[in-house]
Amino acid sequence: MFDYQYAYLIGNIFILFPIWLVLFFYRRDLRVDILTMSLICGTLGPISQIWYLKDYWSPQTFTGTIVGIEDFLFGFFIGGITSVIYKELFNKHISKPKSKRHHWRLIFLFTAIAIFIFNILFYIFSINSIYASIIVFLSMASMMYYFRRDLFIDGLASGIFTGITMFLSYLVYLSIFPEVISKWWFLHNISGILILGIPLEELVWAFSLGLVAGPAYEFFMGLRLLKN
C-alpha cells in the first residue's frame, strides 16, 4: 500500500506523464503546441489552488506543503494532453503561421478576464470553486467560438476525449489509492454524485477544460486546422 502523501505525485508521474510523453513524441509538428499549453496550464495549476483548497479539496503533497510541485505537474500534463489529443487521434494538422506575429496579448487578456469572472463568481456569488471554474471555461470557450466558429469541432472533440482520459486515469488511480476521494475531496460541498467512485464534477471540469484548451493554441496564434 502506497503512502497517500505520495498519491498526488504518483498519479501525475505514472498515469498522466506517460500519456503526455506518447503524445509529445508521436507528432513532432505539434510539439510547440503541447509545450505552450503545458507551460500555460502548468503555471495556472498552483495559482488555482488559492481557491480550490478553500472549498473543493485538500490533497497531500510529498513535501507536506499546502501547494506543491504536484499542482504544476498536473496542470502541465493535463493542459498538454488536452491541447493535442483530438488532433493526434484524428491525424489533424494545423496551418503554419503566415508571419512571425503571435497573439500573446490575447493570452494575457483572456487570462485576466477569466480570473475576473472567477473572482466574481467565487467571492460575490459564493459559488464553489469547481463550479466557478466550469462556468469560466464555458464562458471562455463561448468567446473563442464566437470569433472562431471553425474551432468548435476541435474544442468539442477535445472536451470529450479529455473527459474520457480523466475517467480512465481515475479508474487506474483509484485502483491504487481507493480512499483518495473520501480523504481529499470535500464531497459535502459538491453534488456527491460518484461515477465508479469518481466525482461527477471532475469529469465535467475535464470536459469544459477541453472545450477551451483544446483549440486555444490555434486561437491565440491565428492558426487553422487543415482538412485531411
Protein backbone atom coordinates (compact mmCIF):
# COMPACT_ATOMS: atom_id res chain seq x y z
CA MET A 1 0.00 0.00 0.00
CA PHE A 2 1.42 3.37 -1.04
CA ASP A 3 1.52 6.27 1.40
CA TYR A 4 -1.18 8.79 0.45
CA GLN A 5 1.37 11.56 0.94
CA TYR A 6 2.81 10.48 -2.41
CA ALA A 7 -0.52 9.75 -4.12
CA TYR A 8 -0.76 13.09 -5.94
CA LEU A 9 2.81 12.83 -7.22
CA ILE A 10 2.41 9.19 -8.26
CA GLY A 11 -0.79 9.96 -10.16
CA ASN A 12 0.98 12.66 -12.14
CA ILE A 13 4.18 10.77 -12.90
CA PHE A 14 2.89 7.25 -13.50
CA ILE A 15 -0.52 7.95 -15.09
CA LEU A 16 -0.60 11.37 -16.79
CA PHE A 17 3.09 11.72 -17.71
CA PRO A 18 3.21 8.56 -19.92
CA ILE A 19 0.15 9.80 -21.86
CA TRP A 20 1.74 13.24 -22.29
CA LEU A 21 5.04 11.66 -23.37
CA VAL A 22 3.44 9.50 -26.06
CA LEU A 23 1.54 12.47 -27.48
CA PHE A 24 4.68 14.63 -27.40
CA PHE A 25 6.90 12.17 -29.29
CA TYR A 26 4.27 10.84 -31.70
CA ARG A 27 3.77 14.15 -33.53
CA ARG A 28 6.83 16.35 -33.92
CA ASP A 29 4.77 19.03 -35.66
CA LEU A 30 2.61 19.50 -32.54
CA ARG A 31 5.40 19.81 -30.00
CA VAL A 32 5.26 23.60 -29.84
CA ASP A 33 1.50 23.35 -29.33
CA ILE A 34 1.74 20.84 -26.47
CA LEU A 35 4.65 22.61 -24.77
CA THR A 36 2.99 26.03 -24.98
CA MET A 37 -0.29 24.85 -23.45
CA SER A 38 1.55 22.69 -20.90
CA LEU A 39 3.51 25.68 -19.63
CA ILE A 40 0.44 27.92 -19.51
CA CYS A 41 -1.71 25.37 -17.68
CA GLY A 42 1.21 24.29 -15.50
CA THR A 43 1.68 27.88 -14.33
CA LEU A 44 -2.03 28.24 -13.61
CA GLY A 45 -2.11 24.95 -11.67
CA PRO A 46 -0.58 26.20 -8.39
CA ILE A 47 -2.41 29.54 -8.72
CA SER A 48 -5.78 27.77 -8.94
CA GLN A 49 -5.17 26.14 -5.56
CA ILE A 50 -5.76 29.54 -3.95
CA TRP A 51 -9.46 28.84 -4.49
CA TYR A 52 -9.75 25.05 -4.75
CA LEU A 53 -8.21 24.47 -1.32
CA LYS A 54 -10.90 26.59 0.29
CA ASP A 55 -13.94 24.55 -0.65
CA TYR A 56 -13.22 21.73 -3.09
CA TRP A 57 -10.37 19.51 -1.96
CA SER A 58 -7.23 19.32 0.17
CA PRO A 59 -4.65 16.96 -1.37
CA GLN A 60 -1.45 15.94 0.37
CA THR A 61 1.86 16.87 -1.22
CA PHE A 62 5.02 14.84 -0.80
CA THR A 63 6.75 17.91 0.69
CA GLY A 64 3.95 18.47 3.18
CA THR A 65 3.32 21.98 1.86
CA ILE A 66 -0.16 23.32 1.07
CA VAL A 67 0.74 23.89 -2.58
CA GLY A 68 3.29 21.59 -4.18
CA ILE A 69 5.09 20.72 -7.39
CA GLU A 70 2.24 18.26 -7.99
CA ASP A 71 -0.09 21.17 -8.79
CA PHE A 72 2.26 22.38 -11.51
CA LEU A 73 2.74 18.87 -12.88
CA PHE A 74 -0.99 18.17 -13.07
CA GLY A 75 -1.65 21.42 -14.93
CA PHE A 76 1.36 20.83 -17.19
CA PHE A 77 0.37 17.30 -18.18
CA ILE A 78 -3.40 17.72 -18.50
CA GLY A 79 -3.00 21.02 -20.37
CA GLY A 80 -0.66 19.48 -22.89
CA ILE A 81 -2.76 16.35 -23.31
CA THR A 82 -5.90 18.38 -23.86
CA SER A 83 -4.29 20.63 -26.45
CA VAL A 84 -3.36 17.86 -28.89
CA ILE A 85 -5.34 14.72 -28.11
CA TYR A 86 -8.04 15.32 -30.74
CA LYS A 87 -5.52 16.35 -33.41
CA GLU A 88 -3.40 13.27 -32.81
CA LEU A 89 -6.22 10.74 -32.60
CA PHE A 90 -7.73 12.01 -35.85
CA ASN A 91 -4.47 12.94 -37.58
CA LYS A 92 -5.36 16.63 -37.79
CA HIS A 93 -2.74 19.15 -38.84
CA ILE A 94 -2.58 22.88 -38.25
CA SER A 95 -1.56 25.54 -40.70
CA LYS A 96 1.81 27.22 -40.46
CA PRO A 97 1.77 30.87 -39.32
CA LYS A 98 1.84 33.31 -42.22
CA SER A 99 4.03 35.65 -40.21
CA LYS A 100 6.06 35.65 -37.02
CA ARG A 101 3.42 37.73 -35.28
CA HIS A 102 1.83 35.84 -32.41
CA HIS A 103 -1.16 36.84 -30.36
CA TRP A 104 0.48 36.69 -26.95
CA ARG A 105 -1.51 39.67 -25.69
CA LEU A 106 -4.68 37.65 -26.24
CA ILE A 107 -3.43 35.07 -23.76
CA PHE A 108 -2.96 37.67 -21.03
CA LEU A 109 -6.28 39.32 -21.88
CA PHE A 110 -8.23 36.06 -21.72
CA THR A 111 -6.44 35.04 -18.53
CA ALA A 112 -7.28 38.37 -16.89
CA ILE A 113 -10.94 38.10 -17.96
CA ALA A 114 -11.12 34.52 -16.69
CA ILE A 115 -9.68 35.42 -13.28
CA PHE A 116 -12.01 38.43 -13.01
CA ILE A 117 -15.11 36.33 -13.78
CA PHE A 118 -13.93 33.60 -11.42
CA ASN A 119 -13.48 36.01 -8.53
CA ILE A 120 -16.93 37.50 -9.09
CA LEU A 121 -18.50 34.04 -9.01
CA PHE A 122 -16.44 32.84 -6.05
CA TYR A 123 -16.35 35.85 -3.73
CA ILE A 124 -19.55 37.71 -4.59
CA PHE A 125 -21.92 34.87 -5.50
CA SER A 126 -20.23 32.29 -3.22
CA ILE A 127 -20.18 29.63 -5.96
CA ASN A 128 -17.99 26.63 -5.22
CA SER A 129 -14.61 26.90 -6.94
CA ILE A 130 -15.10 23.82 -9.12
CA TYR A 131 -18.41 25.13 -10.46
CA ALA A 132 -16.92 28.61 -10.90
CA SER A 133 -14.10 27.03 -12.93
CA ILE A 134 -16.54 25.19 -15.16
CA ILE A 135 -18.54 28.38 -15.76
CA VAL A 136 -15.36 30.28 -16.60
CA PHE A 137 -14.19 27.58 -19.02
CA LEU A 138 -17.56 27.57 -20.76
CA SER A 139 -17.56 31.37 -20.94
CA MET A 140 -14.08 31.50 -22.41
CA ALA A 141 -14.92 28.75 -24.91
CA SER A 142 -18.05 30.66 -25.98
CA MET A 143 -15.98 33.78 -26.59
CA MET A 144 -13.45 31.83 -28.63
CA TYR A 145 -16.09 30.16 -30.78
CA TYR A 146 -17.86 33.47 -31.34
CA PHE A 147 -14.75 34.74 -33.13
CA ARG A 148 -13.59 31.35 -34.49
CA ARG A 149 -16.52 29.08 -35.31
CA ASP A 150 -14.18 26.84 -37.26
CA LEU A 151 -12.61 25.68 -33.99
CA PHE A 152 -15.83 24.36 -32.46
CA ILE A 153 -15.37 20.72 -33.54
CA ASP A 154 -11.78 20.81 -32.28
CA GLY A 155 -12.98 22.06 -28.90
CA LEU A 156 -15.93 19.69 -28.61
CA ALA A 157 -13.85 16.64 -29.51
CA SER A 158 -11.04 17.78 -27.20
CA GLY A 159 -13.55 18.10 -24.36
CA ILE A 160 -14.93 14.61 -24.95
CA PHE A 161 -11.51 12.96 -25.16
CA THR A 162 -10.14 14.90 -22.19
CA GLY A 163 -13.13 13.70 -20.18
CA ILE A 164 -12.52 10.10 -21.28
CA THR A 165 -8.81 10.41 -20.45
CA MET A 166 -9.60 11.71 -16.97
CA PHE A 167 -12.19 8.97 -16.42
CA LEU A 168 -9.81 6.15 -17.39
CA SER A 169 -6.95 7.75 -15.46
CA TYR A 170 -9.09 7.93 -12.33
CA LEU A 171 -10.05 4.27 -12.64
CA VAL A 172 -6.36 3.37 -12.58
CA TYR A 173 -5.69 5.89 -9.82
CA LEU A 174 -8.48 4.58 -7.59
CA SER A 175 -7.25 1.02 -8.02
CA ILE A 176 -4.00 2.16 -6.40
CA PHE A 177 -5.45 4.66 -3.91
CA PRO A 178 -9.05 3.54 -3.28
CA GLU A 179 -9.68 6.01 -0.44
CA VAL A 180 -8.24 9.12 -2.06
CA ILE A 181 -11.61 10.68 -2.94
CA SER A 182 -13.01 10.34 0.57
CA LYS A 183 -9.75 11.57 2.09
CA TRP A 184 -9.14 14.64 -0.07
CA TRP A 185 -12.40 15.82 -1.64
CA PHE A 186 -14.95 17.94 0.24
CA LEU A 187 -17.84 15.86 -1.05
CA HIS A 188 -20.30 17.63 1.22
CA ASN A 189 -19.64 20.86 -0.71
CA ILE A 190 -20.50 19.41 -4.13
CA SER A 191 -23.15 17.13 -5.61
CA GLY A 192 -21.77 13.96 -4.05
CA ILE A 193 -22.53 12.08 -7.28
CA LEU A 194 -19.83 9.50 -7.94
CA ILE A 195 -19.37 7.60 -11.20
CA LEU A 196 -17.46 4.41 -10.36
CA GLY A 197 -16.06 6.35 -7.41
CA ILE A 198 -15.16 9.47 -9.44
CA PRO A 199 -16.82 12.79 -8.54
CA LEU A 200 -19.06 13.92 -11.38
CA GLU A 201 -17.54 17.41 -11.12
CA GLU A 202 -14.11 16.07 -12.09
CA LEU A 203 -15.42 14.76 -15.39
CA VAL A 204 -17.46 17.88 -16.16
CA TRP A 205 -14.41 20.00 -15.30
CA ALA A 206 -12.26 17.93 -17.69
CA PHE A 207 -14.81 18.27 -20.50
CA SER A 208 -15.10 22.04 -20.04
CA LEU A 209 -11.31 22.37 -19.89
CA GLY A 210 -11.08 20.56 -23.21
CA LEU A 211 -13.60 22.92 -24.77
CA VAL A 212 -11.33 25.90 -24.15
CA ALA A 213 -7.81 24.43 -24.01
CA GLY A 214 -8.15 22.06 -26.97
CA PRO A 215 -8.25 24.78 -29.67
CA ALA A 216 -6.60 27.51 -27.56
CA TYR A 217 -3.21 27.36 -29.31
CA GLU A 218 -4.80 27.72 -32.74
CA PHE A 219 -6.98 30.55 -31.48
CA PHE A 220 -4.18 32.55 -29.87
CA MET A 221 -1.78 32.01 -32.75
CA GLY A 222 -4.31 32.64 -35.51
CA LEU A 223 -3.90 29.15 -37.00
CA ARG A 224 -6.40 26.83 -38.64
CA LEU A 225 -6.95 23.11 -38.75
CA LEU A 226 -6.24 21.72 -42.21
CA LYS A 227 -8.68 19.34 -43.86
CA ASN A 228 -7.45 15.77 -44.19
